[in-house]
């Protein structure tokens, strides 16, 4: 499972730019994981988004 911590997210949109099929920005401008996102299909791109998030807001939970 992948989550975005809104308390840490600054809404830069890097994750959305890297993998828009998984991440989007809500009305408040913070990133979130789309409900219908195919996490297994985009695992490599998600890892890139995690690595490139400037605040470390994206986390993988088991």
PDB file of N, CA and C in Angstrom:
ATOM      1  N   UNK A   1       0.841  -1.173   0.000  1.00  0.00           N
ATOM      2  CA  UNK A   1       0.000   0.000   0.000  1.00  0.00           C
ATOM      3  C   UNK A   1       0.893   1.245   0.000  1.00  0.00           C
ATOM      4  N   UNK A   2       0.481   2.240  -0.742  1.00  0.00           N
ATOM      5  CA  UNK A   2       1.204   3.506  -0.839  1.00  0.00           C
ATOM      6  C   UNK A   2       0.284   4.609  -0.328  1.00  0.00           C
ATOM      7  N   UNK A   3       0.838   5.502   0.493  1.00  0.00           N
ATOM      8  CA  UNK A   3       0.065   6.606   1.050  1.00  0.00           C
ATOM      9  C   UNK A   3       0.838   7.906   0.921  1.00  0.00           C
ATOM     10  N   UNK A   4       0.103   9.009   0.952  1.00  0.00           N
ATOM     11  CA  UNK A   4       0.709  10.335   0.990  1.00  0.00           C
ATOM     12  C   UNK A   4       0.318  10.977   2.312  1.00  0.00           C
ATOM     13  N   UNK A   5       1.298  11.424   3.066  1.00  0.00           N
ATOM     14  CA  UNK A   5       1.063  12.095   4.329  1.00  0.00           C
ATOM     15  C   UNK A   5       0.783  13.571   4.042  1.00  0.00           C
ATOM     16  N   UNK A   6      -0.470  13.989   4.155  1.00  0.00           N
ATOM     17  CA  UNK A   6      -0.858  15.373   3.862  1.00  0.00           C
ATOM     18  C   UNK A   6      -0.231  16.372   4.818  1.00  0.00           C
ATOM     19  N   UNK A   7       0.158  15.922   6.000  1.00  0.00           N
ATOM     20  CA  UNK A   7       0.806  16.828   6.955  1.00  0.00           C
ATOM     21  C   UNK A   7       2.201  17.236   6.486  1.00  0.00           C
ATOM     22  N   UNK A   8       2.776  16.446   5.580  1.00  0.00           N
ATOM     23  CA  UNK A   8       4.127  16.692   5.097  1.00  0.00           C
ATOM     24  C   UNK A   8       4.126  17.179   3.644  1.00  0.00           C
ATOM     25  N   UNK A   9       3.119  16.783   2.873  1.00  0.00           N
ATOM     26  CA  UNK A   9       3.027  17.135   1.452  1.00  0.00           C
ATOM     27  C   UNK A   9       2.943  18.649   1.268  1.00  0.00           C
ATOM     28  N   UNK A  10       3.706  19.152   0.288  1.00  0.00           N
ATOM     29  CA  UNK A  10       3.651  20.590  -0.030  1.00  0.00           C
ATOM     30  C   UNK A  10       2.924  20.842  -1.354  1.00  0.00           C
ATOM     31  N   UNK A  11       2.434  19.781  -1.981  1.00  0.00           N
ATOM     32  CA  UNK A  11       1.668  19.923  -3.208  1.00  0.00           C
ATOM     33  C   UNK A  11       2.479  20.344  -4.415  1.00  0.00           C
ATOM     34  N   UNK A  12       3.740  19.932  -4.473  1.00  0.00           N
ATOM     35  CA  UNK A  12       4.600  20.338  -5.588  1.00  0.00           C
ATOM     36  C   UNK A  12       4.202  19.667  -6.900  1.00  0.00           C
ATOM     37  N   UNK A  13       3.536  18.514  -6.825  1.00  0.00           N
ATOM     38  CA  UNK A  13       3.060  17.828  -8.022  1.00  0.00           C
ATOM     39  C   UNK A  13       4.076  16.930  -8.695  1.00  0.00           C
ATOM     40  N   UNK A  14       5.242  16.741  -8.091  1.00  0.00           N
ATOM     41  CA  UNK A  14       6.266  15.884  -8.697  1.00  0.00           C
ATOM     42  C   UNK A  14       5.758  14.458  -8.876  1.00  0.00           C
ATOM     43  N   UNK A  15       5.078  13.934  -7.881  1.00  0.00           N
ATOM     44  CA  UNK A  15       4.568  12.562  -7.974  1.00  0.00           C
ATOM     45  C   UNK A  15       3.533  12.432  -9.088  1.00  0.00           C
ATOM     46  N   UNK A  16       2.672  13.423  -9.194  1.00  0.00           N
ATOM     47  CA  UNK A  16       1.657  13.411 -10.240  1.00  0.00           C
ATOM     48  C   UNK A  16       2.311  13.491 -11.618  1.00  0.00           C
ATOM     49  N   UNK A  17       3.352  14.291 -11.736  1.00  0.00           N
ATOM     50  CA  UNK A  17       4.059  14.414 -13.009  1.00  0.00           C
ATOM     51  C   UNK A  17       4.740  13.099 -13.391  1.00  0.00           C
ATOM     52  N   UNK A  18       5.231  12.372 -12.405  1.00  0.00           N
ATOM     53  CA  UNK A  18       5.927  11.110 -12.666  1.00  0.00           C
ATOM     54  C   UNK A  18       4.971   9.977 -12.998  1.00  0.00           C
ATOM     55  N   UNK A  19       3.828   9.922 -12.315  1.00  0.00           N
ATOM     56  CA  UNK A  19       2.893   8.806 -12.520  1.00  0.00           C
ATOM     57  C   UNK A  19       1.463   9.261 -12.230  1.00  0.00           C
ATOM     58  N   UNK A  20       0.887   9.940 -13.204  1.00  0.00           N
ATOM     59  CA  UNK A  20      -0.454  10.511 -13.044  1.00  0.00           C
ATOM     60  C   UNK A  20      -1.547   9.452 -12.962  1.00  0.00           C
ATOM     61  N   UNK A  21      -1.238   8.213 -13.324  1.00  0.00           N
ATOM     62  CA  UNK A  21      -2.216   7.137 -13.182  1.00  0.00           C
ATOM     63  C   UNK A  21      -2.348   6.684 -11.737  1.00  0.00           C
ATOM     64  N   UNK A  22      -1.435   7.122 -10.876  1.00  0.00           N
ATOM     65  CA  UNK A  22      -1.466   6.738  -9.465  1.00  0.00           C
ATOM     66  C   UNK A  22      -1.742   7.939  -8.558  1.00  0.00           C
ATOM     67  N   UNK A  23      -1.087   9.060  -8.828  1.00  0.00           N
ATOM     68  CA  UNK A  23      -1.193  10.233  -7.952  1.00  0.00           C
ATOM     69  C   UNK A  23      -1.981  11.357  -8.610  1.00  0.00           C
ATOM     70  N   UNK A  24      -2.704  12.093  -7.775  1.00  0.00           N
ATOM     71  CA  UNK A  24      -3.418  13.292  -8.221  1.00  0.00           C
ATOM     72  C   UNK A  24      -3.369  14.294  -7.076  1.00  0.00           C
ATOM     73  N   UNK A  25      -3.791  15.513  -7.349  1.00  0.00           N
ATOM     74  CA  UNK A  25      -3.861  16.543  -6.316  1.00  0.00           C
ATOM     75  C   UNK A  25      -5.316  16.790  -5.961  1.00  0.00           C
ATOM     76  N   UNK A  26      -5.600  16.899  -4.664  1.00  0.00           N
ATOM     77  CA  UNK A  26      -6.969  17.147  -4.221  1.00  0.00           C
ATOM     78  C   UNK A  26      -7.292  18.639  -4.311  1.00  0.00           C
ATOM     79  N   UNK A  27      -8.487  19.024  -3.907  1.00  0.00           N
ATOM     80  CA  UNK A  27      -8.929  20.417  -3.991  1.00  0.00           C
ATOM     81  C   UNK A  27      -8.085  21.364  -3.153  1.00  0.00           C
ATOM     82  N   UNK A  28      -7.425  20.827  -2.131  1.00  0.00           N
ATOM     83  CA  UNK A  28      -6.552  21.641  -1.279  1.00  0.00           C
ATOM     84  C   UNK A  28      -5.130  21.718  -1.830  1.00  0.00           C
ATOM     85  N   UNK A  29      -4.871  21.013  -2.943  1.00  0.00           N
ATOM     86  CA  UNK A  29      -3.565  21.053  -3.575  1.00  0.00           C
ATOM     87  C   UNK A  29      -2.576  20.025  -3.078  1.00  0.00           C
ATOM     88  N   UNK A  30      -3.031  19.072  -2.271  1.00  0.00           N
ATOM     89  CA  UNK A  30      -2.153  18.033  -1.752  1.00  0.00           C
ATOM     90  C   UNK A  30      -2.312  16.743  -2.552  1.00  0.00           C
ATOM     91  N   UNK A  31      -1.231  16.005  -2.660  1.00  0.00           N
ATOM     92  CA  UNK A  31      -1.244  14.755  -3.411  1.00  0.00           C
ATOM     93  C   UNK A  31      -1.987  13.665  -2.648  1.00  0.00           C
ATOM     94  N   UNK A  32      -2.553  12.758  -3.406  1.00  0.00           N
ATOM     95  CA  UNK A  32      -3.170  11.560  -2.840  1.00  0.00           C
ATOM     96  C   UNK A  32      -3.042  10.428  -3.851  1.00  0.00           C
ATOM     97  N   UNK A  33      -3.219   9.199  -3.380  1.00  0.00           N
ATOM     98  CA  UNK A  33      -3.199   8.024  -4.242  1.00  0.00           C
ATOM     99  C   UNK A  33      -4.623   7.762  -4.710  1.00  0.00           C
ATOM    100  N   UNK A  34      -4.793   7.666  -6.005  1.00  0.00           N
ATOM    101  CA  UNK A  34      -6.120   7.408  -6.573  1.00  0.00           C
ATOM    102  C   UNK A  34      -6.646   6.052  -6.102  1.00  0.00           C
ATOM    103  N   UNK A  35      -7.940   5.993  -5.821  1.00  0.00           N
ATOM    104  CA  UNK A  35      -8.559   4.765  -5.326  1.00  0.00           C
ATOM    105  C   UNK A  35      -8.406   3.595  -6.294  1.00  0.00           C
ATOM    106  N   UNK A  36      -8.472   3.872  -7.588  1.00  0.00           N
ATOM    107  CA  UNK A  36      -8.432   2.809  -8.589  1.00  0.00           C
ATOM    108  C   UNK A  36      -7.041   2.594  -9.182  1.00  0.00           C
ATOM    109  N   UNK A  37      -6.023   3.136  -8.530  1.00  0.00           N
ATOM    110  CA  UNK A  37      -4.657   3.032  -9.045  1.00  0.00           C
ATOM    111  C   UNK A  37      -4.166   1.589  -9.020  1.00  0.00           C
ATOM    112  N   UNK A  38      -3.533   1.176 -10.104  1.00  0.00           N
ATOM    113  CA  UNK A  38      -2.940  -0.154 -10.207  1.00  0.00           C
ATOM    114  C   UNK A  38      -1.498  -0.064  -9.699  1.00  0.00           C
ATOM    115  N   UNK A  39      -1.317  -0.262  -8.405  1.00  0.00           N
ATOM    116  CA  UNK A  39      -0.020  -0.078  -7.773  1.00  0.00           C
ATOM    117  C   UNK A  39       1.025  -1.072  -8.274  1.00  0.00           C
ATOM    118  N   UNK A  40       0.611  -2.289  -8.600  1.00  0.00           N
ATOM    119  CA  UNK A  40       1.573  -3.280  -9.068  1.00  0.00           C
ATOM    120  C   UNK A  40       2.062  -2.945 -10.480  1.00  0.00           C
ATOM    121  N   UNK A  41       1.206  -2.385 -11.295  1.00  0.00           N
ATOM    122  CA  UNK A  41       1.581  -2.026 -12.667  1.00  0.00           C
ATOM    123  C   UNK A  41       2.613  -0.897 -12.693  1.00  0.00           C
ATOM    124  N   UNK A  42       2.531   0.011 -11.735  1.00  0.00           N
ATOM    125  CA  UNK A  42       3.383   1.195 -11.720  1.00  0.00           C
ATOM    126  C   UNK A  42       4.398   1.184 -10.574  1.00  0.00           C
ATOM    127  N   UNK A  43       4.786   0.009 -10.132  1.00  0.00           N
ATOM    128  CA  UNK A  43       5.671  -0.094  -8.971  1.00  0.00           C
ATOM    129  C   UNK A  43       6.986   0.669  -9.166  1.00  0.00           C
ATOM    130  N   UNK A  44       7.586   0.550 -10.328  1.00  0.00           N
ATOM    131  CA  UNK A  44       8.859   1.237 -10.589  1.00  0.00           C
ATOM    132  C   UNK A  44       8.678   2.757 -10.562  1.00  0.00           C
ATOM    133  N   UNK A  45       7.599   3.244 -11.171  1.00  0.00           N
ATOM    134  CA  UNK A  45       7.325   4.684 -11.195  1.00  0.00           C
ATOM    135  C   UNK A  45       6.996   5.209  -9.804  1.00  0.00           C
ATOM    136  N   UNK A  46       6.290   4.405  -9.012  1.00  0.00           N
ATOM    137  CA  UNK A  46       5.972   4.792  -7.640  1.00  0.00           C
ATOM    138  C   UNK A  46       7.255   4.914  -6.821  1.00  0.00           C
ATOM    139  N   UNK A  47       8.157   3.967  -6.994  1.00  0.00           N
ATOM    140  CA  UNK A  47       9.444   4.042  -6.291  1.00  0.00           C
ATOM    141  C   UNK A  47      10.201   5.311  -6.677  1.00  0.00           C
ATOM    142  N   UNK A  48      10.132   5.688  -7.944  1.00  0.00           N
ATOM    143  CA  UNK A  48      10.769   6.927  -8.398  1.00  0.00           C
ATOM    144  C   UNK A  48      10.110   8.140  -7.738  1.00  0.00           C
ATOM    145  N   UNK A  49       8.779   8.113  -7.629  1.00  0.00           N
ATOM    146  CA  UNK A  49       8.064   9.211  -6.968  1.00  0.00           C
ATOM    147  C   UNK A  49       8.448   9.298  -5.493  1.00  0.00           C
ATOM    148  N   UNK A  50       8.568   8.157  -4.831  1.00  0.00           N
ATOM    149  CA  UNK A  50       8.984   8.125  -3.424  1.00  0.00           C
ATOM    150  C   UNK A  50      10.377   8.730  -3.294  1.00  0.00           C
ATOM    151  N   UNK A  51      11.279   8.317  -4.167  1.00  0.00           N
ATOM    152  CA  UNK A  51      12.659   8.802  -4.119  1.00  0.00           C
ATOM    153  C   UNK A  51      12.768  10.293  -4.426  1.00  0.00           C
ATOM    154  N   UNK A  52      11.850  10.818  -5.241  1.00  0.00           N
ATOM    155  CA  UNK A  52      11.939  12.210  -5.675  1.00  0.00           C
ATOM    156  C   UNK A  52      11.026  13.169  -4.925  1.00  0.00           C
ATOM    157  N   UNK A  53      10.243  12.661  -3.991  1.00  0.00           N
ATOM    158  CA  UNK A  53       9.380  13.549  -3.209  1.00  0.00           C
ATOM    159  C   UNK A  53      10.269  14.432  -2.317  1.00  0.00           C
ATOM    160  N   UNK A  54      10.190  15.751  -2.482  1.00  0.00           N
ATOM    161  CA  UNK A  54      11.098  16.626  -1.746  1.00  0.00           C
ATOM    162  C   UNK A  54      10.890  16.626  -0.231  1.00  0.00           C
ATOM    163  N   UNK A  55       9.718  16.209   0.223  1.00  0.00           N
ATOM    164  CA  UNK A  55       9.457  16.223   1.664  1.00  0.00           C
ATOM    165  C   UNK A  55       9.338  14.825   2.266  1.00  0.00           C
ATOM    166  N   UNK A  56       9.434  13.784   1.445  1.00  0.00           N
ATOM    167  CA  UNK A  56       9.297  12.415   1.949  1.00  0.00           C
ATOM    168  C   UNK A  56       7.870  12.082   2.349  1.00  0.00           C
ATOM    169  N   UNK A  57       6.899  12.744   1.724  1.00  0.00           N
ATOM    170  CA  UNK A  57       5.496  12.555   2.093  1.00  0.00           C
ATOM    171  C   UNK A  57       4.909  11.236   1.603  1.00  0.00           C
ATOM    172  N   UNK A  58       5.519  10.635   0.601  1.00  0.00           N
ATOM    173  CA  UNK A  58       4.993   9.384   0.047  1.00  0.00           C
ATOM    174  C   UNK A  58       5.653   8.223   0.777  1.00  0.00           C
ATOM    175  N   UNK A  59       4.833   7.331   1.311  1.00  0.00           N
ATOM    176  CA  UNK A  59       5.352   6.180   2.051  1.00  0.00           C
ATOM    177  C   UNK A  59       4.692   4.909   1.574  1.00  0.00           C
ATOM    178  N   UNK A  60       5.439   3.847   1.694  1.00  0.00           N
ATOM    179  CA  UNK A  60       4.906   2.507   1.370  1.00  0.00           C
ATOM    180  C   UNK A  60       4.655   1.806   2.702  1.00  0.00           C
ATOM    181  N   UNK A  61       3.445   1.293   2.864  1.00  0.00           N
ATOM    182  CA  UNK A  61       3.079   0.561   4.077  1.00  0.00           C
ATOM    183  C   UNK A  61       2.672  -0.854   3.702  1.00  0.00           C
ATOM    184  N   UNK A  62       3.012  -1.799   4.546  1.00  0.00           N
ATOM    185  CA  UNK A  62       2.636  -3.193   4.296  1.00  0.00           C
ATOM    186  C   UNK A  62       1.308  -3.538   4.915  1.00  0.00           C
TER     187      UNK A  62
END
